[in-house]
Amino acid sequence: MKLTLVTGLTGLLLLGTIVELLRRRQLREKYGMLWLAVLVVVIPLSLFPRLLDNVAELLGVASGVSLVLFLGIVFLLLVCVHLSWEVSALEEETRTLAEDFALLRAQIDADRAARDELVSTDG
């Protein structure tokens, strides 16, 4: 009973934290919705642990704990793959922006050199 209460309160605390991060715009909506969906599943299962055992039995898993561990590992792997994909996209965007910046800098330097040459020939 005590673990059920601690797990439920932890879930509610995380729910409040996610909502506050969303409210302050410190967490993007797509990630906030993901975590809220996880909490919508976790909080009822933490408050009613027999429900988890029933779901595990329905799926043919030995126990609810095994099901939670398996789903947690799968979830974390999916999060890692998604974040790796996001980092790859950001690296490509950073490289493209750096190249564009270098081209603009070269154009500005060329324009300054041409202007300085024009001023020196006129003076």
C-alpha atoms as a PDB file:
ATOM      1  CA  MET A   1       0.000   0.000   0.000  1.00  0.00           C
ATOM      2  CA  LYS A   2       2.828   2.398   0.847  1.00  0.00           C
ATOM      3  CA  LEU A   3       4.559   1.844  -2.524  1.00  0.00           C
ATOM      4  CA  THR A   4       1.248   2.490  -4.291  1.00  0.00           C
ATOM      5  CA  LEU A   5       0.910   5.810  -2.505  1.00  0.00           C
ATOM      6  CA  VAL A   6       4.517   6.859  -3.187  1.00  0.00           C
ATOM      7  CA  THR A   7       4.240   5.896  -6.863  1.00  0.00           C
ATOM      8  CA  GLY A   8       0.933   7.720  -7.262  1.00  0.00           C
ATOM      9  CA  LEU A   9       2.244  10.865  -5.563  1.00  0.00           C
ATOM     10  CA  THR A  10       5.409  10.751  -7.689  1.00  0.00           C
ATOM     11  CA  GLY A  11       3.273  10.503 -10.815  1.00  0.00           C
ATOM     12  CA  LEU A  12       1.165  13.464  -9.720  1.00  0.00           C
ATOM     13  CA  LEU A  13       4.299  15.475  -8.891  1.00  0.00           C
ATOM     14  CA  LEU A  14       5.706  14.714 -12.349  1.00  0.00           C
ATOM     15  CA  LEU A  15       2.389  15.694 -13.894  1.00  0.00           C
ATOM     16  CA  GLY A  16       2.540  19.051 -12.134  1.00  0.00           C
ATOM     17  CA  THR A  17       6.165  19.521 -13.197  1.00  0.00           C
ATOM     18  CA  ILE A  18       5.403  18.766 -16.858  1.00  0.00           C
ATOM     19  CA  VAL A  19       2.422  21.126 -16.868  1.00  0.00           C
ATOM     20  CA  GLU A  20       4.542  23.883 -15.287  1.00  0.00           C
ATOM     21  CA  LEU A  21       7.362  23.380 -17.818  1.00  0.00           C
ATOM     22  CA  LEU A  22       4.819  23.583 -20.627  1.00  0.00           C
ATOM     23  CA  ARG A  23       3.278  26.700 -19.113  1.00  0.00           C
ATOM     24  CA  ARG A  24       6.685  28.414 -18.913  1.00  0.00           C
ATOM     25  CA  ARG A  25       7.492  27.238 -22.446  1.00  0.00           C
ATOM     26  CA  GLN A  26      10.613  25.450 -21.219  1.00  0.00           C
ATOM     27  CA  LEU A  27       9.402  22.176 -22.734  1.00  0.00           C
ATOM     28  CA  ARG A  28       8.159  21.907 -26.297  1.00  0.00           C
ATOM     29  CA  GLU A  29       4.583  20.803 -26.734  1.00  0.00           C
ATOM     30  CA  LYS A  30       5.427  17.636 -28.661  1.00  0.00           C
ATOM     31  CA  TYR A  31       7.594  16.375 -25.794  1.00  0.00           C
ATOM     32  CA  GLY A  32       5.158  17.587 -23.165  1.00  0.00           C
ATOM     33  CA  MET A  33       2.304  15.678 -24.789  1.00  0.00           C
ATOM     34  CA  LEU A  34       4.444  12.553 -24.871  1.00  0.00           C
ATOM     35  CA  TRP A  35       5.211  12.769 -21.160  1.00  0.00           C
ATOM     36  CA  LEU A  36       1.601  13.627 -20.315  1.00  0.00           C
ATOM     37  CA  ALA A  37       0.450  10.534 -22.233  1.00  0.00           C
ATOM     38  CA  VAL A  38       2.921   8.409 -20.266  1.00  0.00           C
ATOM     39  CA  LEU A  39       1.671   9.872 -17.004  1.00  0.00           C
ATOM     40  CA  VAL A  40      -1.967   9.297 -17.969  1.00  0.00           C
ATOM     41  CA  VAL A  41      -1.078   5.602 -18.161  1.00  0.00           C
ATOM     42  CA  VAL A  42       1.309   5.479 -15.194  1.00  0.00           C
ATOM     43  CA  ILE A  43      -0.811   7.292 -12.591  1.00  0.00           C
ATOM     44  CA  PRO A  44      -3.878   4.997 -12.779  1.00  0.00           C
ATOM     45  CA  LEU A  45      -1.655   1.911 -12.907  1.00  0.00           C
ATOM     46  CA  SER A  46       0.267   3.117  -9.862  1.00  0.00           C
ATOM     47  CA  LEU A  47      -2.918   3.766  -7.915  1.00  0.00           C
ATOM     48  CA  PHE A  48      -4.481   0.432  -8.936  1.00  0.00           C
ATOM     49  CA  PRO A  49      -1.609  -2.091  -9.115  1.00  0.00           C
ATOM     50  CA  ARG A  50      -3.974  -5.046  -9.607  1.00  0.00           C
ATOM     51  CA  LEU A  51      -4.983  -3.468 -12.903  1.00  0.00           C
ATOM     52  CA  LEU A  52      -1.377  -3.785 -14.042  1.00  0.00           C
ATOM     53  CA  ASP A  53      -1.314  -7.468 -13.071  1.00  0.00           C
ATOM     54  CA  ASN A  54      -4.538  -8.012 -15.026  1.00  0.00           C
ATOM     55  CA  VAL A  55      -3.072  -6.317 -18.115  1.00  0.00           C
ATOM     56  CA  ALA A  56       0.094  -8.408 -17.786  1.00  0.00           C
ATOM     57  CA  GLU A  57      -1.940 -11.600 -17.502  1.00  0.00           C
ATOM     58  CA  LEU A  58      -4.019 -10.584 -20.511  1.00  0.00           C
ATOM     59  CA  LEU A  59      -0.818 -10.119 -22.541  1.00  0.00           C
ATOM     60  CA  GLY A  60       0.661 -13.366 -21.286  1.00  0.00           C
ATOM     61  CA  VAL A  61       3.438 -11.739 -19.264  1.00  0.00           C
ATOM     62  CA  ALA A  62       4.514 -13.395 -16.001  1.00  0.00           C
ATOM     63  CA  SER A  63       3.964 -10.334 -13.800  1.00  0.00           C
ATOM     64  CA  GLY A  64       3.085  -6.675 -13.930  1.00  0.00           C
ATOM     65  CA  VAL A  65       6.600  -5.727 -12.864  1.00  0.00           C
ATOM     66  CA  SER A  66       8.076  -7.553 -15.858  1.00  0.00           C
ATOM     67  CA  LEU A  67       5.653  -5.763 -18.146  1.00  0.00           C
ATOM     68  CA  VAL A  68       6.550  -2.357 -16.689  1.00  0.00           C
ATOM     69  CA  LEU A  69      10.280  -3.014 -17.017  1.00  0.00           C
ATOM     70  CA  PHE A  70       9.936  -4.216 -20.595  1.00  0.00           C
ATOM     71  CA  LEU A  71       7.730  -1.292 -21.638  1.00  0.00           C
ATOM     72  CA  GLY A  72      10.017   1.149 -19.820  1.00  0.00           C
ATOM     73  CA  ILE A  73      13.073  -0.142 -21.665  1.00  0.00           C
ATOM     74  CA  VAL A  74      11.261  -0.024 -25.023  1.00  0.00           C
ATOM     75  CA  PHE A  75      10.039   3.509 -24.276  1.00  0.00           C
ATOM     76  CA  LEU A  76      13.524   4.714 -23.329  1.00  0.00           C
ATOM     77  CA  LEU A  77      15.022   3.136 -26.458  1.00  0.00           C
ATOM     78  CA  LEU A  78      12.436   4.907 -28.600  1.00  0.00           C
ATOM     79  CA  VAL A  79      13.191   8.203 -26.852  1.00  0.00           C
ATOM     80  CA  CYS A  80      16.934   7.674 -27.496  1.00  0.00           C
ATOM     81  CA  VAL A  81      16.348   6.936 -31.184  1.00  0.00           C
ATOM     82  CA  HIS A  82      14.116   9.987 -31.528  1.00  0.00           C
ATOM     83  CA  LEU A  83      16.617  12.267 -29.786  1.00  0.00           C
ATOM     84  CA  SER A  84      19.435  10.875 -31.947  1.00  0.00           C
ATOM     85  CA  TRP A  85      17.366  11.705 -35.013  1.00  0.00           C
ATOM     86  CA  GLU A  86      16.741  15.242 -33.683  1.00  0.00           C
ATOM     87  CA  VAL A  87      20.473  15.754 -32.987  1.00  0.00           C
ATOM     88  CA  SER A  88      21.364  14.554 -36.497  1.00  0.00           C
ATOM     89  CA  ALA A  89      18.910  17.000 -38.039  1.00  0.00           C
ATOM     90  CA  LEU A  90      20.266  19.843 -35.883  1.00  0.00           C
ATOM     91  CA  GLU A  91      23.858  18.985 -36.808  1.00  0.00           C
ATOM     92  CA  GLU A  92      22.966  19.173 -40.494  1.00  0.00           C
ATOM     93  CA  GLU A  93      21.159  22.465 -39.987  1.00  0.00           C
ATOM     94  CA  THR A  94      24.132  23.869 -38.033  1.00  0.00           C
ATOM     95  CA  ARG A  95      26.533  22.845 -40.800  1.00  0.00           C
ATOM     96  CA  THR A  96      24.337  24.477 -43.446  1.00  0.00           C
ATOM     97  CA  LEU A  97      24.041  27.675 -41.399  1.00  0.00           C
ATOM     98  CA  ALA A  98      27.813  27.784 -40.865  1.00  0.00           C
ATOM     99  CA  GLU A  99      28.381  27.422 -44.613  1.00  0.00           C
ATOM    100  CA  ASP A 100      25.850  30.175 -45.365  1.00  0.00           C
ATOM    101  CA  PHE A 101      27.478  32.399 -42.761  1.00  0.00           C
ATOM    102  CA  ALA A 102      30.915  31.816 -44.269  1.00  0.00           C
ATOM    103  CA  LEU A 103      29.603  32.719 -47.731  1.00  0.00           C
ATOM    104  CA  LEU A 104      27.977  35.896 -46.416  1.00  0.00           C
ATOM    105  CA  ARG A 105      31.140  36.845 -44.545  1.00  0.00           C
ATOM    106  CA  ALA A 106      33.191  36.328 -47.724  1.00  0.00           C
ATOM    107  CA  GLN A 107      30.731  38.498 -49.659  1.00  0.00           C
ATOM    108  CA  ILE A 108      30.913  41.254 -47.044  1.00  0.00           C
ATOM    109  CA  ASP A 109      34.722  41.116 -47.035  1.00  0.00           C
ATOM    110  CA  ALA A 110      34.761  41.299 -50.835  1.00  0.00           C
ATOM    111  CA  ASP A 111      32.368  44.258 -50.795  1.00  0.00           C
ATOM    112  CA  ARG A 112      34.506  46.061 -48.198  1.00  0.00           C
ATOM    113  CA  ALA A 113      37.669  45.417 -50.186  1.00  0.00           C
ATOM    114  CA  ALA A 114      36.008  46.762 -53.341  1.00  0.00           C
ATOM    115  CA  ARG A 115      34.733  49.833 -51.473  1.00  0.00           C
ATOM    116  CA  ASP A 116      38.143  50.481 -49.883  1.00  0.00           C
ATOM    117  CA  GLU A 117      39.812  50.149 -53.284  1.00  0.00           C
ATOM    118  CA  LEU A 118      37.306  52.563 -54.798  1.00  0.00           C
ATOM    119  CA  VAL A 119      37.874  55.064 -51.972  1.00  0.00           C
ATOM    120  CA  SER A 120      41.663  54.789 -52.269  1.00  0.00           C
ATOM    121  CA  THR A 121      41.599  55.376 -56.044  1.00  0.00           C
ATOM    122  CA  ASP A 122      39.283  58.395 -55.654  1.00  0.00           C
ATOM    123  CA  GLY A 123      41.348  59.950 -52.848  1.00  0.00           C
END
